[in-house]
């Protein structure tokens, strides 16, 4: 650590304009550090308050997106605890997920898979209908894409809209 006295303004200016400033060394800026830390703490608090105030249905939706099928075997207090811990560790990601307009659709896709109305084959590369009168292939998942996001995108397309309406109606019957 190099300490430069206030009186040595020539060295201060030299270090300020030096090409290594910010890469090799940096000036101590307590106000900047405090404001960055404050922003991080406030984001964490906002995420935890958001997680704490989630309705049960939204809590289940967010949990299914983050934890998958294991949600079905957990109690509501366990889910609340896990979401609060997640909000503390990943505040920005949790806020993005909760505010995602596609949250409901992604939750429904997880339910379609959990209810075994849609199934994966070929190492989760293909998605098939698993309905009493329909066992046909629905779609192929593009390489390196999340299968749930791909199914959500397909169900929003013109080709998948009718299937989505049918599966959603079936989901409402089962509730």
C-alpha atoms as a PDB file:
ATOM      1  CA  UNK A   1       0.000   0.000   0.000  1.00  0.00           C
ATOM      2  CA  UNK A   2       1.347   3.352  -1.018  1.00  0.00           C
ATOM      3  CA  UNK A   3       0.361   6.302   1.140  1.00  0.00           C
ATOM      4  CA  UNK A   4       0.727   9.704  -0.504  1.00  0.00           C
ATOM      5  CA  UNK A   5       0.670  12.727   1.759  1.00  0.00           C
ATOM      6  CA  UNK A   6      -1.674  15.632   1.001  1.00  0.00           C
ATOM      7  CA  UNK A   7       1.282  17.944   0.518  1.00  0.00           C
ATOM      8  CA  UNK A   8       2.756  15.813  -2.307  1.00  0.00           C
ATOM      9  CA  UNK A   9       0.402  16.971  -5.059  1.00  0.00           C
ATOM     10  CA  UNK A  10       2.869  16.219  -7.851  1.00  0.00           C
ATOM     11  CA  UNK A  11       2.881  12.500  -6.950  1.00  0.00           C
ATOM     12  CA  UNK A  12      -0.899  12.558  -6.571  1.00  0.00           C
ATOM     13  CA  UNK A  13      -1.338  13.972 -10.065  1.00  0.00           C
ATOM     14  CA  UNK A  14       1.235  11.561 -11.492  1.00  0.00           C
ATOM     15  CA  UNK A  15      -0.644   8.595 -10.020  1.00  0.00           C
ATOM     16  CA  UNK A  16      -3.996  10.014 -11.132  1.00  0.00           C
ATOM     17  CA  UNK A  17      -2.897  10.196 -14.805  1.00  0.00           C
ATOM     18  CA  UNK A  18      -0.813   7.019 -14.729  1.00  0.00           C
ATOM     19  CA  UNK A  19      -2.052   4.339 -17.227  1.00  0.00           C
ATOM     20  CA  UNK A  20      -2.065   1.733 -14.450  1.00  0.00           C
ATOM     21  CA  UNK A  21      -4.578   3.704 -12.379  1.00  0.00           C
ATOM     22  CA  UNK A  22      -7.585   1.457 -11.817  1.00  0.00           C
ATOM     23  CA  UNK A  23      -5.800  -1.678 -13.063  1.00  0.00           C
ATOM     24  CA  UNK A  24      -2.505  -2.006 -11.216  1.00  0.00           C
ATOM     25  CA  UNK A  25      -3.500   0.243  -8.344  1.00  0.00           C
ATOM     26  CA  UNK A  26      -6.482   2.331  -7.357  1.00  0.00           C
ATOM     27  CA  UNK A  27      -7.176   5.308  -5.214  1.00  0.00           C
ATOM     28  CA  UNK A  28      -9.033   4.707  -1.988  1.00  0.00           C
ATOM     29  CA  UNK A  29     -12.491   6.257  -2.319  1.00  0.00           C
ATOM     30  CA  UNK A  30     -14.464   5.579   0.840  1.00  0.00           C
ATOM     31  CA  UNK A  31     -17.555   7.468  -0.353  1.00  0.00           C
ATOM     32  CA  UNK A  32     -17.709   5.457  -3.581  1.00  0.00           C
ATOM     33  CA  UNK A  33     -17.162   2.170  -1.724  1.00  0.00           C
ATOM     34  CA  UNK A  34     -19.874   3.058   0.801  1.00  0.00           C
ATOM     35  CA  UNK A  35     -22.392   3.976  -1.897  1.00  0.00           C
ATOM     36  CA  UNK A  36     -21.750   0.710  -3.766  1.00  0.00           C
ATOM     37  CA  UNK A  37     -22.129  -1.298  -0.581  1.00  0.00           C
ATOM     38  CA  UNK A  38     -25.292   0.626   0.323  1.00  0.00           C
ATOM     39  CA  UNK A  39     -26.809  -0.127  -3.097  1.00  0.00           C
ATOM     40  CA  UNK A  40     -26.012  -3.818  -2.650  1.00  0.00           C
ATOM     41  CA  UNK A  41     -27.526  -3.925   0.852  1.00  0.00           C
ATOM     42  CA  UNK A  42     -30.656  -2.077  -0.305  1.00  0.00           C
ATOM     43  CA  UNK A  43     -31.080  -4.486  -3.235  1.00  0.00           C
ATOM     44  CA  UNK A  44     -30.828  -7.442  -0.845  1.00  0.00           C
ATOM     45  CA  UNK A  45     -33.390  -5.894   1.500  1.00  0.00           C
ATOM     46  CA  UNK A  46     -35.765  -5.154  -1.397  1.00  0.00           C
ATOM     47  CA  UNK A  47     -35.476  -8.747  -2.616  1.00  0.00           C
ATOM     48  CA  UNK A  48     -36.116 -10.141   0.865  1.00  0.00           C
ATOM     49  CA  UNK A  49     -39.149  -7.902   1.409  1.00  0.00           C
ATOM     50  CA  UNK A  50     -40.467  -8.941  -2.000  1.00  0.00           C
ATOM     51  CA  UNK A  51     -39.893 -12.617  -1.141  1.00  0.00           C
ATOM     52  CA  UNK A  52     -41.537 -12.219   2.263  1.00  0.00           C
ATOM     53  CA  UNK A  53     -44.669 -10.664   0.751  1.00  0.00           C
ATOM     54  CA  UNK A  54     -45.184 -13.227  -2.032  1.00  0.00           C
ATOM     55  CA  UNK A  55     -48.639 -14.772  -2.139  1.00  0.00           C
ATOM     56  CA  UNK A  56     -48.744 -18.539  -1.718  1.00  0.00           C
ATOM     57  CA  UNK A  57     -49.503 -19.084  -5.402  1.00  0.00           C
ATOM     58  CA  UNK A  58     -46.675 -16.795  -6.541  1.00  0.00           C
ATOM     59  CA  UNK A  59     -44.358 -18.413  -3.965  1.00  0.00           C
ATOM     60  CA  UNK A  60     -45.109 -21.811  -5.495  1.00  0.00           C
ATOM     61  CA  UNK A  61     -44.552 -20.453  -9.010  1.00  0.00           C
ATOM     62  CA  UNK A  62     -41.195 -18.900  -8.158  1.00  0.00           C
ATOM     63  CA  UNK A  63     -40.150 -22.020  -6.243  1.00  0.00           C
ATOM     64  CA  UNK A  64     -40.991 -24.289  -9.178  1.00  0.00           C
ATOM     65  CA  UNK A  65     -38.857 -22.142 -11.468  1.00  0.00           C
ATOM     66  CA  UNK A  66     -35.909 -22.142  -9.053  1.00  0.00           C
ATOM     67  CA  UNK A  67     -36.123 -25.623  -7.509  1.00  0.00           C
ATOM     68  CA  UNK A  68     -38.063 -27.747  -9.979  1.00  0.00           C
ATOM     69  CA  UNK A  69     -40.219 -30.721  -9.007  1.00  0.00           C
ATOM     70  CA  UNK A  70     -38.900 -30.932  -5.428  1.00  0.00           C
ATOM     71  CA  UNK A  71     -41.364 -28.150  -4.556  1.00  0.00           C
ATOM     72  CA  UNK A  72     -44.242 -30.624  -4.486  1.00  0.00           C
ATOM     73  CA  UNK A  73     -42.797 -32.414  -1.449  1.00  0.00           C
ATOM     74  CA  UNK A  74     -42.032 -29.260   0.561  1.00  0.00           C
ATOM     75  CA  UNK A  75     -44.203 -27.361   3.026  1.00  0.00           C
ATOM     76  CA  UNK A  76     -45.004 -23.662   2.654  1.00  0.00           C
ATOM     77  CA  UNK A  77     -42.725 -22.646   5.583  1.00  0.00           C
ATOM     78  CA  UNK A  78     -39.849 -24.584   3.986  1.00  0.00           C
ATOM     79  CA  UNK A  79     -40.467 -22.833   0.675  1.00  0.00           C
ATOM     80  CA  UNK A  80     -40.653 -19.397   2.341  1.00  0.00           C
ATOM     81  CA  UNK A  81     -37.366 -20.054   4.133  1.00  0.00           C
ATOM     82  CA  UNK A  82     -35.650 -21.233   0.953  1.00  0.00           C
ATOM     83  CA  UNK A  83     -36.916 -18.267  -1.070  1.00  0.00           C
ATOM     84  CA  UNK A  84     -35.811 -15.815   1.641  1.00  0.00           C
ATOM     85  CA  UNK A  85     -32.334 -17.391   1.680  1.00  0.00           C
ATOM     86  CA  UNK A  86     -32.268 -17.252  -2.120  1.00  0.00           C
ATOM     87  CA  UNK A  87     -33.271 -13.574  -1.993  1.00  0.00           C
ATOM     88  CA  UNK A  88     -30.386 -12.888   0.364  1.00  0.00           C
ATOM     89  CA  UNK A  89     -27.836 -14.675  -1.815  1.00  0.00           C
ATOM     90  CA  UNK A  90     -29.170 -13.736  -5.284  1.00  0.00           C
ATOM     91  CA  UNK A  91     -31.301 -10.612  -4.872  1.00  0.00           C
ATOM     92  CA  UNK A  92     -31.143  -9.345  -8.441  1.00  0.00           C
ATOM     93  CA  UNK A  93     -32.033 -12.727  -9.924  1.00  0.00           C
ATOM     94  CA  UNK A  94     -34.999 -13.207  -7.584  1.00  0.00           C
ATOM     95  CA  UNK A  95     -36.376  -9.745  -8.408  1.00  0.00           C
ATOM     96  CA  UNK A  96     -36.041 -10.511 -12.125  1.00  0.00           C
ATOM     97  CA  UNK A  97     -37.864 -13.829 -11.743  1.00  0.00           C
ATOM     98  CA  UNK A  98     -40.712 -12.382  -9.679  1.00  0.00           C
ATOM     99  CA  UNK A  99     -41.190  -9.501 -12.129  1.00  0.00           C
ATOM    100  CA  UNK A 100     -40.901 -11.736 -15.213  1.00  0.00           C
ATOM    101  CA  UNK A 101     -44.123 -11.501 -17.246  1.00  0.00           C
ATOM    102  CA  UNK A 102     -43.641 -15.121 -18.332  1.00  0.00           C
ATOM    103  CA  UNK A 103     -43.563 -16.432 -14.733  1.00  0.00           C
ATOM    104  CA  UNK A 104     -47.093 -17.821 -14.898  1.00  0.00           C
ATOM    105  CA  UNK A 105     -46.458 -19.539 -18.226  1.00  0.00           C
ATOM    106  CA  UNK A 106     -43.210 -21.100 -17.000  1.00  0.00           C
ATOM    107  CA  UNK A 107     -44.955 -22.278 -13.840  1.00  0.00           C
ATOM    108  CA  UNK A 108     -47.677 -23.880 -15.963  1.00  0.00           C
ATOM    109  CA  UNK A 109     -45.050 -25.615 -18.115  1.00  0.00           C
ATOM    110  CA  UNK A 110     -43.519 -27.089 -14.959  1.00  0.00           C
ATOM    111  CA  UNK A 111     -47.000 -28.268 -13.914  1.00  0.00           C
ATOM    112  CA  UNK A 112     -47.614 -29.824 -17.350  1.00  0.00           C
ATOM    113  CA  UNK A 113     -44.384 -31.802 -16.944  1.00  0.00           C
ATOM    114  CA  UNK A 114     -45.104 -32.664 -13.274  1.00  0.00           C
ATOM    115  CA  UNK A 115     -48.581 -33.906 -14.189  1.00  0.00           C
ATOM    116  CA  UNK A 116     -46.975 -36.008 -16.931  1.00  0.00           C
ATOM    117  CA  UNK A 117     -49.005 -34.409 -19.740  1.00  0.00           C
ATOM    118  CA  UNK A 118     -45.755 -33.519 -21.455  1.00  0.00           C
ATOM    119  CA  UNK A 119     -42.659 -35.677 -21.278  1.00  0.00           C
ATOM    120  CA  UNK A 120     -39.033 -35.505 -22.313  1.00  0.00           C
ATOM    121  CA  UNK A 121     -37.260 -38.099 -24.432  1.00  0.00           C
ATOM    122  CA  UNK A 122     -33.806 -38.421 -25.979  1.00  0.00           C
ATOM    123  CA  UNK A 123     -31.910 -36.818 -23.134  1.00  0.00           C
ATOM    124  CA  UNK A 124     -34.399 -33.938 -22.823  1.00  0.00           C
ATOM    125  CA  UNK A 125     -33.941 -33.015 -26.479  1.00  0.00           C
ATOM    126  CA  UNK A 126     -37.483 -33.911 -27.562  1.00  0.00           C
ATOM    127  CA  UNK A 127     -40.805 -33.070 -25.937  1.00  0.00           C
ATOM    128  CA  UNK A 128     -43.794 -35.358 -26.432  1.00  0.00           C
ATOM    129  CA  UNK A 129     -47.442 -35.094 -25.549  1.00  0.00           C
ATOM    130  CA  UNK A 130     -48.441 -37.716 -23.024  1.00  0.00           C
ATOM    131  CA  UNK A 131     -52.212 -37.436 -23.276  1.00  0.00           C
ATOM    132  CA  UNK A 132     -54.735 -40.296 -23.606  1.00  0.00           C
ATOM    133  CA  UNK A 133     -55.377 -39.624 -27.308  1.00  0.00           C
ATOM    134  CA  UNK A 134     -52.081 -38.002 -28.229  1.00  0.00           C
ATOM    135  CA  UNK A 135     -48.563 -39.385 -27.757  1.00  0.00           C
ATOM    136  CA  UNK A 136     -47.032 -37.443 -30.666  1.00  0.00           C
ATOM    137  CA  UNK A 137     -43.885 -35.374 -30.648  1.00  0.00           C
ATOM    138  CA  UNK A 138     -44.578 -31.754 -29.773  1.00  0.00           C
ATOM    139  CA  UNK A 139     -41.169 -30.200 -30.465  1.00  0.00           C
ATOM    140  CA  UNK A 140     -37.407 -30.546 -30.384  1.00  0.00           C
ATOM    141  CA  UNK A 141     -35.436 -28.448 -27.911  1.00  0.00           C
ATOM    142  CA  UNK A 142     -32.754 -26.369 -29.649  1.00  0.00           C
ATOM    143  CA  UNK A 143     -29.161 -27.162 -28.716  1.00  0.00           C
ATOM    144  CA  UNK A 144     -27.922 -25.543 -25.474  1.00  0.00           C
ATOM    145  CA  UNK A 145     -31.327 -24.093 -24.559  1.00  0.00           C
ATOM    146  CA  UNK A 146     -33.332 -24.615 -21.410  1.00  0.00           C
ATOM    147  CA  UNK A 147     -36.133 -27.074 -22.243  1.00  0.00           C
ATOM    148  CA  UNK A 148     -38.689 -25.249 -20.082  1.00  0.00           C
ATOM    149  CA  UNK A 149     -37.986 -21.926 -21.805  1.00  0.00           C
ATOM    150  CA  UNK A 150     -38.219 -23.630 -25.196  1.00  0.00           C
ATOM    151  CA  UNK A 151     -41.573 -25.200 -24.329  1.00  0.00           C
ATOM    152  CA  UNK A 152     -42.833 -21.825 -23.065  1.00  0.00           C
ATOM    153  CA  UNK A 153     -41.787 -20.154 -26.314  1.00  0.00           C
ATOM    154  CA  UNK A 154     -43.411 -22.910 -28.388  1.00  0.00           C
ATOM    155  CA  UNK A 155     -46.705 -22.688 -26.466  1.00  0.00           C
ATOM    156  CA  UNK A 156     -46.824 -18.933 -27.201  1.00  0.00           C
ATOM    157  CA  UNK A 157     -46.308 -19.480 -30.923  1.00  0.00           C
ATOM    158  CA  UNK A 158     -49.103 -19.969 -33.442  1.00  0.00           C
ATOM    159  CA  UNK A 159     -48.271 -23.683 -33.663  1.00  0.00           C
ATOM    160  CA  UNK A 160     -48.503 -24.273 -29.911  1.00  0.00           C
ATOM    161  CA  UNK A 161     -51.329 -21.956 -28.902  1.00  0.00           C
ATOM    162  CA  UNK A 162     -54.090 -24.568 -29.242  1.00  0.00           C
ATOM    163  CA  UNK A 163     -52.071 -27.103 -27.248  1.00  0.00           C
ATOM    164  CA  UNK A 164     -51.484 -24.471 -24.561  1.00  0.00           C
ATOM    165  CA  UNK A 165     -55.205 -23.693 -24.322  1.00  0.00           C
ATOM    166  CA  UNK A 166     -56.025 -27.393 -24.008  1.00  0.00           C
ATOM    167  CA  UNK A 167     -53.360 -28.068 -21.365  1.00  0.00           C
ATOM    168  CA  UNK A 168     -54.372 -24.970 -19.399  1.00  0.00           C
ATOM    169  CA  UNK A 169     -58.021 -26.024 -19.438  1.00  0.00           C
ATOM    170  CA  UNK A 170     -56.987 -29.464 -18.232  1.00  0.00           C
ATOM    171  CA  UNK A 171     -54.916 -27.882 -15.462  1.00  0.00           C
ATOM    172  CA  UNK A 172     -57.952 -25.893 -14.256  1.00  0.00           C
ATOM    173  CA  UNK A 173     -60.046 -29.101 -14.165  1.00  0.00           C
ATOM    174  CA  UNK A 174     -57.472 -30.803 -11.913  1.00  0.00           C
ATOM    175  CA  UNK A 175     -57.390 -27.970  -9.372  1.00  0.00           C
END
